[in-house]
Amino acid sequence: MKEESAFSLHPVGPSLGAEVAGLDLASPLAEPDMAALKAAFAEHGVLFFRDQVLTPEQQVAFAESWGKVVINRFFTQVEGHPQVAEVRKEPDQTTNVGGGWHTDHSYDEEPALGSILYARELPESGGDTLFAGMSAAYDALSPGFQETLRGLRAVHSSRHVFGPDAGLPDDMLSRFGNAEMATQDAVHPVVITHPLSGRKSLYVNPGFTLRIDGWSHEESKPLLDYLYNHASQPEFVCRFQWKPGSLAFWDNRATWHYALNDYHGQRRLMHRITLDGEALSA
């Protein structure tokens, strides 16, 4: 008799996101749970877990049960744990990390599968994260526009965000490093076939996409702005309120995210692990 998974799923947004109840991520998961969790990840794009008590080693072990961990080139690493990146904002800092719609590592030729973010220290209020579903956003476009987009590719880069000429605010300089390594440019289809779900999904984002391949910046801007405005509409978005012990695991091929910067004067410390991905196909 086939063993069933032990957890339950509770959808949180109209087109993406589900909260997982009944799993302790500090221990290795049983095979039925992992299989069901992978199916839920493919379906919902982002999974949320509450009341987790994890050491960095345990967070790494959970990540490695999904695949190979990518060591981020730019973020400050947690001491003794190079696989874990700090996402930090101190009380005297006004700029946060991730304070705009983006997709992690789209500037890589093989973009990250996903990111696993765990709450270490939270402000008394604020600091929620928004997520947007790119498959639902694509599905809502007209068939003719979908066909046009399927023939396009877009250029993504890290240079303007992490590079020497990025013009980072002074209070960000202590949180990023290795600006000389921001040499990554990559070209990906504007519409991908998601490797897990098989669904068509928009794959451009305001944070790292520069232009349509073969087009000028001026020619690209109206089209990209339209897609950005379209994909960030409320019907494609869910909002996650962090609490102590919360963990979010999102698919970078199917979602955007946006860390709200509404907690000035308070500290917020998160630990992020990123998973290796694969080249994306139209």
Protein backbone atom coordinates (compact mmCIF):
# COMPACT_ATOMS: atom_id res chain seq x y z
CA MET A 1 0.00 0.00 0.00
CA LYS A 2 1.39 3.40 -1.02
CA GLU A 3 2.28 5.65 1.91
CA GLU A 4 0.63 9.08 1.81
CA SER A 5 2.26 12.41 2.63
CA ALA A 6 1.72 13.78 6.13
CA PHE A 7 1.26 17.50 5.41
CA SER A 8 -1.60 19.72 4.29
CA LEU A 9 -1.65 22.59 1.78
CA HIS A 10 -3.53 25.87 2.11
CA PRO A 11 -3.51 28.19 -0.96
CA VAL A 12 -2.76 31.82 -0.08
CA GLY A 13 -3.12 33.72 -3.36
CA PRO A 14 -5.44 33.75 -6.36
CA SER A 15 -2.84 32.36 -8.74
CA LEU A 16 0.19 31.24 -6.73
CA GLY A 17 1.42 30.37 -3.24
CA ALA A 18 0.48 27.74 -0.67
CA GLU A 19 1.17 27.36 3.04
CA VAL A 20 2.41 23.94 4.11
CA ALA A 21 1.36 22.62 7.52
CA GLY A 22 2.50 19.48 9.27
CA LEU A 23 6.18 19.27 8.30
CA ASP A 24 9.31 19.75 10.41
CA LEU A 25 12.09 20.82 8.05
CA ALA A 26 14.78 20.26 10.70
CA SER A 27 14.67 16.53 9.97
CA PRO A 28 15.00 14.65 6.66
CA LEU A 29 11.64 14.28 4.97
CA ALA A 30 10.14 10.93 4.12
CA GLU A 31 10.02 10.07 0.42
CA PRO A 32 6.21 10.43 0.13
CA ASP A 33 6.46 13.91 1.68
CA MET A 34 9.27 14.96 -0.68
CA ALA A 35 7.38 13.69 -3.72
CA ALA A 36 4.20 15.51 -2.72
CA LEU A 37 6.17 18.66 -1.82
CA LYS A 38 7.84 18.71 -5.24
CA ALA A 39 4.45 18.43 -6.92
CA ALA A 40 3.11 21.29 -4.77
CA PHE A 41 6.16 23.41 -5.59
CA ALA A 42 5.59 22.91 -9.33
CA GLU A 43 1.89 23.75 -8.98
CA HIS A 44 2.00 26.76 -6.62
CA GLY A 45 5.35 28.42 -7.41
CA VAL A 46 6.07 29.39 -3.79
CA LEU A 47 5.63 27.38 -0.60
CA PHE A 48 5.42 28.88 2.90
CA PHE A 49 6.26 27.11 6.16
CA ARG A 50 5.57 28.31 9.70
CA ASP A 51 7.06 27.58 13.14
CA GLN A 52 10.32 26.09 11.88
CA VAL A 53 13.36 25.98 14.17
CA LEU A 54 16.40 25.57 11.95
CA THR A 55 20.13 25.86 12.33
CA PRO A 56 22.08 26.94 9.24
CA GLU A 57 23.17 23.32 8.84
CA GLN A 58 19.57 22.15 8.82
CA GLN A 59 18.52 24.80 6.32
CA VAL A 60 21.39 23.70 4.05
CA ALA A 61 20.36 20.05 4.43
CA PHE A 62 16.78 20.88 3.42
CA ALA A 63 18.07 22.81 0.40
CA GLU A 64 20.39 19.99 -0.65
CA SER A 65 17.47 17.56 -0.62
CA TRP A 66 16.24 19.54 -3.66
CA GLY A 67 19.50 19.95 -5.52
CA LYS A 68 22.88 21.64 -5.63
CA VAL A 69 23.32 24.87 -3.66
CA VAL A 70 24.64 27.96 -5.46
CA ILE A 71 27.02 30.15 -3.45
CA ASN A 72 25.97 33.74 -4.18
CA ARG A 73 28.80 35.91 -5.50
CA PHE A 74 27.62 39.21 -4.11
CA PHE A 75 25.80 38.76 -0.79
CA THR A 76 27.54 38.69 2.58
CA GLN A 77 27.85 35.08 3.70
CA VAL A 78 26.89 33.75 7.11
CA GLU A 79 30.13 33.09 8.99
CA GLY A 80 31.08 29.44 8.71
CA HIS A 81 28.30 28.75 6.21
CA PRO A 82 29.25 29.98 2.72
CA GLN A 83 26.12 28.38 1.23
CA VAL A 84 23.94 30.77 3.29
CA ALA A 85 23.63 34.44 2.32
CA GLU A 86 22.60 37.21 4.70
CA VAL A 87 19.66 39.40 3.73
CA ARG A 88 20.00 42.09 6.35
CA LYS A 89 18.81 45.59 7.16
CA GLU A 90 20.03 47.41 10.28
CA PRO A 91 18.01 50.05 12.18
CA ASP A 92 20.17 52.89 10.80
CA GLN A 93 19.84 51.77 7.18
CA THR A 94 17.12 53.07 4.88
CA THR A 95 17.65 50.86 1.81
CA ASN A 96 16.66 47.21 1.91
CA VAL A 97 17.76 44.23 -0.15
CA GLY A 98 15.29 43.19 -2.83
CA GLY A 99 13.12 46.29 -2.61
CA GLY A 100 11.66 45.99 -6.10
CA TRP A 101 10.19 43.31 -8.33
CA HIS A 102 12.87 40.87 -9.48
CA THR A 103 13.80 37.24 -10.08
CA ASP A 104 16.96 35.91 -8.43
CA HIS A 105 19.87 35.01 -10.72
CA SER A 106 18.13 35.63 -14.05
CA TYR A 107 21.49 37.11 -15.10
CA ASP A 108 23.03 33.61 -15.06
CA GLU A 109 23.10 31.45 -18.19
CA GLU A 110 21.54 28.68 -16.08
CA PRO A 111 19.22 30.63 -13.73
CA ALA A 112 18.59 29.45 -10.19
CA LEU A 113 15.89 26.86 -9.60
CA GLY A 114 14.69 28.57 -6.44
CA SER A 115 15.53 30.42 -3.24
CA ILE A 116 14.89 29.38 0.36
CA LEU A 117 14.53 32.31 2.78
CA TYR A 118 14.34 31.77 6.54
CA ALA A 119 13.46 34.46 9.11
CA ARG A 120 16.13 35.00 11.79
CA GLU A 121 15.21 38.42 13.20
CA LEU A 122 12.09 40.37 12.31
CA PRO A 123 10.81 43.91 12.88
CA GLU A 124 7.77 44.34 15.13
CA SER A 125 5.76 45.16 12.03
CA GLY A 126 6.36 45.43 8.29
CA GLY A 127 8.83 43.61 6.11
CA ASP A 128 6.32 41.45 4.23
CA THR A 129 7.26 39.95 0.86
CA LEU A 130 5.11 40.06 -2.28
CA PHE A 131 5.19 37.31 -4.90
CA ALA A 132 3.83 37.39 -8.45
CA GLY A 133 3.01 34.37 -10.62
CA MET A 134 4.41 34.51 -14.13
CA SER A 135 2.43 31.57 -15.54
CA ALA A 136 -0.91 33.13 -14.63
CA ALA A 137 0.30 36.47 -16.00
CA TYR A 138 1.19 34.84 -19.31
CA ASP A 139 -2.12 32.95 -19.49
CA ALA A 140 -4.03 36.24 -19.15
CA LEU A 141 -2.47 37.73 -22.28
CA SER A 142 -4.25 37.57 -25.63
CA PRO A 143 -3.36 34.64 -27.92
CA GLY A 144 -1.92 36.99 -30.54
CA PHE A 145 0.33 38.75 -28.02
CA GLN A 146 1.40 35.40 -26.59
CA GLU A 147 2.46 34.29 -30.06
CA THR A 148 4.47 37.47 -30.57
CA LEU A 149 6.26 37.10 -27.24
CA ARG A 150 7.13 33.45 -27.87
CA GLY A 151 9.44 34.55 -30.69
CA LEU A 152 11.44 36.97 -28.52
CA ARG A 153 14.47 36.67 -26.27
CA ALA A 154 15.66 39.15 -23.63
CA VAL A 155 19.03 40.21 -22.25
CA HIS A 156 19.56 39.99 -18.47
CA SER A 157 22.53 41.37 -16.53
CA SER A 158 24.01 41.76 -13.03
CA ARG A 159 26.26 44.70 -13.92
CA HIS A 160 23.80 47.51 -13.25
CA VAL A 161 22.81 46.05 -9.85
CA PHE A 162 26.02 44.63 -8.36
CA GLY A 163 28.83 45.98 -10.59
CA PRO A 164 31.41 48.72 -9.96
CA ASP A 165 29.26 51.33 -11.73
CA ALA A 166 25.96 50.30 -10.13
CA GLY A 167 25.87 53.38 -7.89
CA LEU A 168 24.74 51.53 -4.79
CA PRO A 169 23.68 53.70 -1.83
CA ASP A 170 26.35 53.97 0.88
CA ASP A 171 24.31 51.90 3.33
CA MET A 172 24.28 48.97 0.86
CA LEU A 173 28.04 48.72 0.43
CA SER A 174 28.54 46.68 3.61
CA ARG A 175 25.96 44.12 2.48
CA PHE A 176 27.31 43.39 -1.01
CA GLY A 177 30.77 42.61 -2.32
CA ASN A 178 32.79 41.31 -5.28
CA ALA A 179 31.56 44.02 -7.63
CA GLU A 180 34.29 43.02 -10.08
CA MET A 181 32.51 39.67 -10.50
CA ALA A 182 29.38 41.32 -11.87
CA THR A 183 30.17 40.38 -15.45
CA GLN A 184 27.17 38.13 -16.05
CA ASP A 185 24.99 38.76 -19.05
CA ALA A 186 22.58 36.11 -20.29
CA VAL A 187 19.94 35.83 -22.99
CA HIS A 188 16.75 33.88 -22.21
CA PRO A 189 13.41 33.38 -23.99
CA VAL A 190 10.80 35.97 -23.00
CA VAL A 191 8.40 33.05 -22.62
CA ILE A 192 9.77 29.80 -21.21
CA THR A 193 8.31 26.34 -20.82
CA HIS A 194 8.65 25.69 -17.10
CA PRO A 195 10.92 22.68 -16.46
CA LEU A 196 8.66 21.24 -13.73
CA SER A 197 5.10 22.24 -14.51
CA GLY A 198 5.35 22.37 -18.30
CA ARG A 199 3.37 25.63 -18.26
CA LYS A 200 4.31 28.66 -20.33
CA SER A 201 5.68 31.45 -18.14
CA LEU A 202 6.89 35.01 -18.67
CA TYR A 203 10.61 35.26 -18.02
CA VAL A 204 11.49 38.95 -17.84
CA ASN A 205 11.75 41.02 -14.66
CA PRO A 206 12.28 44.69 -13.74
CA GLY A 207 15.37 43.99 -11.65
CA PHE A 208 17.71 42.31 -14.11
CA THR A 209 16.20 42.42 -17.63
CA LEU A 210 17.85 45.09 -19.78
CA ARG A 211 16.19 44.86 -23.18
CA ILE A 212 14.78 42.60 -25.86
CA ASP A 213 17.60 40.84 -27.68
CA GLY A 214 18.28 42.60 -30.99
CA TRP A 215 16.27 45.68 -29.95
CA SER A 216 17.51 48.99 -28.54
CA HIS A 217 16.73 50.05 -24.99
CA GLU A 218 14.31 52.66 -26.36
CA GLU A 219 12.50 50.10 -28.49
CA SER A 220 12.37 47.58 -25.64
CA LYS A 221 11.09 49.87 -22.91
CA PRO A 222 7.41 50.16 -23.95
CA LEU A 223 7.03 46.39 -24.30
CA LEU A 224 8.85 45.56 -21.07
CA ASP A 225 6.98 48.25 -19.12
CA TYR A 226 3.68 46.84 -20.36
CA LEU A 227 4.65 43.33 -19.24
CA TYR A 228 5.86 44.59 -15.85
CA ASN A 229 2.64 46.51 -15.21
CA HIS A 230 0.56 43.57 -16.39
CA ALA A 231 2.35 40.92 -14.30
CA SER A 232 2.25 42.93 -11.06
CA GLN A 233 -1.55 43.28 -11.03
CA PRO A 234 -3.27 42.10 -7.82
CA GLU A 235 -4.79 38.99 -9.41
CA PHE A 236 -1.29 37.58 -9.97
CA VAL A 237 0.13 38.54 -6.55
CA CYS A 238 0.15 37.09 -3.04
CA ARG A 239 1.57 38.63 0.13
CA PHE A 240 3.46 36.78 2.86
CA GLN A 241 3.60 38.14 6.39
CA TRP A 242 6.71 36.90 8.11
CA LYS A 243 6.61 35.59 11.67
CA PRO A 244 9.37 34.01 13.81
CA GLY A 245 10.24 30.63 12.34
CA SER A 246 8.77 31.36 8.91
CA LEU A 247 10.39 30.02 5.75
CA ALA A 248 9.54 30.71 2.10
CA PHE A 249 10.72 28.60 -0.82
CA TRP A 250 10.02 30.10 -4.24
CA ASP A 251 10.60 29.02 -7.82
CA ASN A 252 12.67 31.64 -9.63
CA ARG A 253 11.50 30.35 -13.03
CA ALA A 254 7.83 30.93 -12.22
CA THR A 255 7.70 33.93 -9.87
CA TRP A 256 8.87 37.43 -9.06
CA HIS A 257 9.26 38.72 -5.51
CA TYR A 258 9.43 42.13 -3.81
CA ALA A 259 10.65 42.75 -0.26
CA LEU A 260 8.68 45.67 1.23
CA ASN A 261 10.79 48.35 2.89
CA ASP A 262 8.33 49.65 5.50
CA TYR A 263 10.16 49.07 8.80
CA HIS A 264 12.74 51.84 9.12
CA GLY A 265 14.52 51.93 12.49
CA GLN A 266 14.11 48.18 13.02
CA ARG A 267 16.38 45.21 12.28
CA ARG A 268 15.49 42.42 9.85
CA LEU A 269 17.82 39.46 9.28
CA MET A 270 17.03 36.60 6.93
CA HIS A 271 19.12 33.64 5.75
CA ARG A 272 18.84 32.79 2.04
CA ILE A 273 19.98 29.71 0.16
CA THR A 274 19.80 29.52 -3.64
CA LEU A 275 19.51 26.31 -5.65
CA ASP A 276 21.24 25.61 -8.94
CA GLY A 277 19.03 25.51 -12.00
CA GLU A 278 19.29 24.74 -15.69
CA ALA A 279 19.19 26.45 -19.06
CA LEU A 280 15.67 27.60 -19.95
CA SER A 281 13.82 26.69 -23.14
CA ALA A 282 11.06 28.47 -25.01
